[in-house]
């Protein structure tokens, strides 16, 4: 058993890992209690809406992290090359080189997704939009930037699946580097046309 959570926010990392490992449906209150160190009464005190409220809180926490570390950084940077490299590095770290499941992506594929459809859609749409904005700052036309962003986010999700299925973190890193190179090559090509 891990250390006991002392408040709602303190419980979120343990909740996220239980949901990553067992999914929404498989995350029993017994598993959640063991992971957080909280009894069922304390869990319902922190999350009166039960597992759905726990999952919603975890998704909000993930969205907040990505907003601060990835999405805003991509949009606010004046150097798209540096911002893309930072995103790739941070994504590699966050997903533990493909060893950590993308909870939002996994939930999006599950039968339990319906209460969370809006959060799932916003997470992926926000990532694609922020990355497209960054790529476009590198003189890449809007439609091409959007396509590159969409392919990159899809590639990251696929890389997580392959790295876990093959038990090979190098697969994840190789796919990340491919997408980074594709974006940077597009920026370099369009910048050279404009100079």
Protein backbone atom coordinates (compact mmCIF):
# COMPACT_ATOMS: atom_id res chain seq x y z
CA UNK A 1 0.00 0.00 0.00
CA UNK A 2 1.25 3.48 -0.82
CA UNK A 3 1.14 6.38 1.60
CA UNK A 4 -2.26 7.65 2.63
CA UNK A 5 -3.61 10.61 0.68
CA UNK A 6 -4.54 13.50 2.93
CA UNK A 7 -6.75 15.47 0.56
CA UNK A 8 -8.46 15.23 -2.80
CA UNK A 9 -5.51 16.57 -4.82
CA UNK A 10 -3.11 14.25 -2.98
CA UNK A 11 -5.19 11.24 -4.11
CA UNK A 12 -5.09 12.10 -7.83
CA UNK A 13 -1.72 10.55 -8.79
CA UNK A 14 -2.61 7.22 -7.19
CA UNK A 15 -6.09 7.33 -8.74
CA UNK A 16 -4.58 8.00 -12.17
CA UNK A 17 -2.29 4.99 -11.89
CA UNK A 18 -5.15 2.70 -10.81
CA UNK A 19 -7.22 3.90 -13.77
CA UNK A 20 -4.23 3.46 -16.12
CA UNK A 21 -3.61 -0.06 -14.91
CA UNK A 22 -7.20 -1.31 -14.59
CA UNK A 23 -9.35 1.08 -16.62
CA UNK A 24 -12.45 2.81 -15.31
CA UNK A 25 -14.52 -0.37 -15.13
CA UNK A 26 -11.75 -2.46 -13.55
CA UNK A 27 -10.76 0.11 -10.95
CA UNK A 28 -12.67 -1.31 -8.00
CA UNK A 29 -13.06 0.69 -4.81
CA UNK A 30 -10.86 -1.92 -3.11
CA UNK A 31 -8.05 -1.25 -5.61
CA UNK A 32 -8.53 2.49 -5.33
CA UNK A 33 -8.55 2.28 -1.53
CA UNK A 34 -5.34 0.24 -1.53
CA UNK A 35 -3.60 2.65 -3.90
CA UNK A 36 -4.63 5.83 -2.08
CA UNK A 37 -4.52 4.47 1.46
CA UNK A 38 -8.03 5.83 1.97
CA UNK A 39 -11.04 3.91 3.20
CA UNK A 40 -14.24 3.92 1.20
CA UNK A 41 -15.77 6.55 3.51
CA UNK A 42 -12.85 8.94 2.95
CA UNK A 43 -12.95 8.32 -0.79
CA UNK A 44 -16.63 9.26 -0.92
CA UNK A 45 -15.92 12.26 1.29
CA UNK A 46 -13.35 13.52 -1.24
CA UNK A 47 -15.34 12.30 -4.26
CA UNK A 48 -19.08 12.18 -3.46
CA UNK A 49 -19.83 11.29 -7.09
CA UNK A 50 -17.87 8.04 -6.80
CA UNK A 51 -15.63 6.65 -9.55
CA UNK A 52 -17.01 8.97 -12.22
CA UNK A 53 -16.04 11.99 -10.12
CA UNK A 54 -12.64 10.45 -9.42
CA UNK A 55 -12.05 9.91 -13.14
CA UNK A 56 -13.26 13.42 -13.98
CA UNK A 57 -10.84 14.86 -11.40
CA UNK A 58 -7.95 12.80 -12.80
CA UNK A 59 -8.76 13.93 -16.36
CA UNK A 60 -8.88 17.57 -15.22
CA UNK A 61 -5.51 17.14 -13.50
CA UNK A 62 -4.00 15.63 -16.66
CA UNK A 63 -5.49 18.43 -18.79
CA UNK A 64 -4.05 21.04 -16.41
CA UNK A 65 -0.58 19.50 -16.63
CA UNK A 66 -0.67 19.32 -20.42
CA UNK A 67 -2.00 22.87 -20.64
CA UNK A 68 0.87 24.24 -18.58
CA UNK A 69 3.70 22.01 -19.80
CA UNK A 70 2.79 21.35 -23.43
CA UNK A 71 -0.09 23.31 -24.97
CA UNK A 72 0.66 26.82 -23.69
CA UNK A 73 4.38 26.34 -24.24
CA UNK A 74 3.74 25.42 -27.88
CA UNK A 75 1.45 28.39 -28.49
CA UNK A 76 3.48 31.01 -26.65
CA UNK A 77 6.92 30.16 -27.96
CA UNK A 78 8.51 32.43 -30.56
CA UNK A 79 10.85 29.59 -31.53
CA UNK A 80 8.84 26.68 -32.96
CA UNK A 81 11.91 24.49 -33.42
CA UNK A 82 12.81 24.78 -29.75
CA UNK A 83 9.17 24.40 -28.65
CA UNK A 84 8.70 21.21 -30.70
CA UNK A 85 11.93 19.75 -29.30
CA UNK A 86 10.74 20.58 -25.78
CA UNK A 87 7.36 18.97 -26.45
CA UNK A 88 9.01 15.78 -27.71
CA UNK A 89 11.29 15.67 -24.65
CA UNK A 90 8.43 16.33 -22.22
CA UNK A 91 6.15 13.78 -23.89
CA UNK A 92 8.92 11.18 -23.73
CA UNK A 93 9.34 11.88 -20.02
CA UNK A 94 5.60 12.03 -19.23
CA UNK A 95 4.81 8.76 -20.99
CA UNK A 96 7.96 7.14 -19.59
CA UNK A 97 9.23 6.35 -23.09
CA UNK A 98 5.99 4.56 -23.88
CA UNK A 99 5.92 2.65 -20.61
CA UNK A 100 3.08 4.76 -19.22
CA UNK A 101 -0.36 4.42 -20.72
CA UNK A 102 -2.13 7.52 -22.01
CA UNK A 103 -5.16 7.41 -19.75
CA UNK A 104 -7.11 9.84 -21.95
CA UNK A 105 -6.45 7.73 -25.04
CA UNK A 106 -7.25 4.48 -23.27
CA UNK A 107 -10.47 5.87 -21.87
CA UNK A 108 -11.40 7.14 -25.33
CA UNK A 109 -11.30 3.55 -26.61
CA UNK A 110 -13.25 2.02 -23.74
CA UNK A 111 -16.95 1.42 -23.20
CA UNK A 112 -16.70 3.68 -20.11
CA UNK A 113 -15.93 6.80 -22.16
CA UNK A 114 -19.41 8.29 -22.52
CA UNK A 115 -19.43 10.42 -19.33
CA UNK A 116 -15.99 11.75 -20.30
CA UNK A 117 -16.40 12.26 -24.06
CA UNK A 118 -16.11 16.04 -23.83
CA UNK A 119 -12.90 15.91 -21.76
CA UNK A 120 -11.37 13.36 -24.12
CA UNK A 121 -12.28 15.37 -27.21
CA UNK A 122 -11.00 18.63 -25.70
CA UNK A 123 -7.67 17.09 -24.69
CA UNK A 124 -6.86 15.82 -28.18
CA UNK A 125 -8.32 18.84 -30.02
CA UNK A 126 -6.36 21.19 -27.75
CA UNK A 127 -3.10 19.31 -28.35
CA UNK A 128 -3.57 19.29 -32.12
CA UNK A 129 -4.51 22.99 -32.18
CA UNK A 130 -1.59 24.06 -29.98
CA UNK A 131 0.90 22.04 -32.03
CA UNK A 132 -0.54 23.33 -35.32
CA UNK A 133 -0.21 26.92 -34.05
CA UNK A 134 3.42 26.28 -33.19
CA UNK A 135 4.21 24.64 -36.54
CA UNK A 136 2.52 27.51 -38.39
CA UNK A 137 4.86 29.95 -36.62
CA UNK A 138 7.59 28.23 -38.60
CA UNK A 139 6.09 29.51 -41.88
CA UNK A 140 4.21 26.25 -42.57
CA UNK A 141 0.78 26.98 -44.10
CA UNK A 142 -2.20 26.41 -41.80
CA UNK A 143 -3.64 23.30 -43.48
CA UNK A 144 -0.26 21.60 -43.63
CA UNK A 145 0.48 22.58 -40.03
CA UNK A 146 -2.83 21.09 -38.90
CA UNK A 147 -2.19 17.87 -40.79
CA UNK A 148 1.31 17.55 -39.31
CA UNK A 149 -0.05 18.21 -35.82
CA UNK A 150 -2.82 15.64 -36.20
CA UNK A 151 -0.40 13.00 -37.52
CA UNK A 152 2.05 13.71 -34.72
CA UNK A 153 -0.52 13.37 -31.93
CA UNK A 154 -1.87 10.18 -33.55
CA UNK A 155 1.70 8.93 -33.93
CA UNK A 156 2.42 9.53 -30.25
CA UNK A 157 -0.66 7.55 -29.28
CA UNK A 158 0.30 4.72 -31.62
CA UNK A 159 3.86 4.79 -30.31
CA UNK A 160 2.60 4.24 -26.77
CA UNK A 161 0.62 1.19 -27.90
CA UNK A 162 3.53 -0.29 -29.87
CA UNK A 163 6.13 0.38 -27.18
CA UNK A 164 3.97 -1.36 -24.59
CA UNK A 165 3.00 -4.22 -26.89
CA UNK A 166 6.62 -4.82 -27.91
CA UNK A 167 7.98 -3.96 -24.44
CA UNK A 168 10.48 -1.70 -26.18
CA UNK A 169 10.93 1.91 -25.19
CA UNK A 170 13.19 2.46 -28.20
CA UNK A 171 10.13 2.01 -30.43
CA UNK A 172 8.47 4.94 -28.68
CA UNK A 173 11.55 7.14 -28.94
CA UNK A 174 12.14 6.23 -32.59
CA UNK A 175 8.57 7.19 -33.53
CA UNK A 176 8.80 10.42 -31.53
CA UNK A 177 12.04 11.35 -33.29
CA UNK A 178 10.47 10.57 -36.68
CA UNK A 179 7.59 12.95 -36.02
CA UNK A 180 9.93 15.61 -34.63
CA UNK A 181 12.10 15.36 -37.76
CA UNK A 182 9.04 15.53 -40.04
CA UNK A 183 7.82 18.73 -38.36
CA UNK A 184 11.25 20.34 -38.29
CA UNK A 185 11.91 19.42 -41.92
CA UNK A 186 8.62 21.07 -42.91
CA UNK A 187 9.56 24.22 -41.02
CA UNK A 188 13.02 24.31 -42.59
CA UNK A 189 11.61 23.78 -46.10
CA UNK A 190 9.04 26.56 -45.77
CA UNK A 191 11.50 28.95 -44.14
CA UNK A 192 13.98 28.43 -46.98
CA UNK A 193 11.26 29.30 -49.51
CA UNK A 194 10.56 32.54 -47.66
CA UNK A 195 14.15 33.68 -47.37
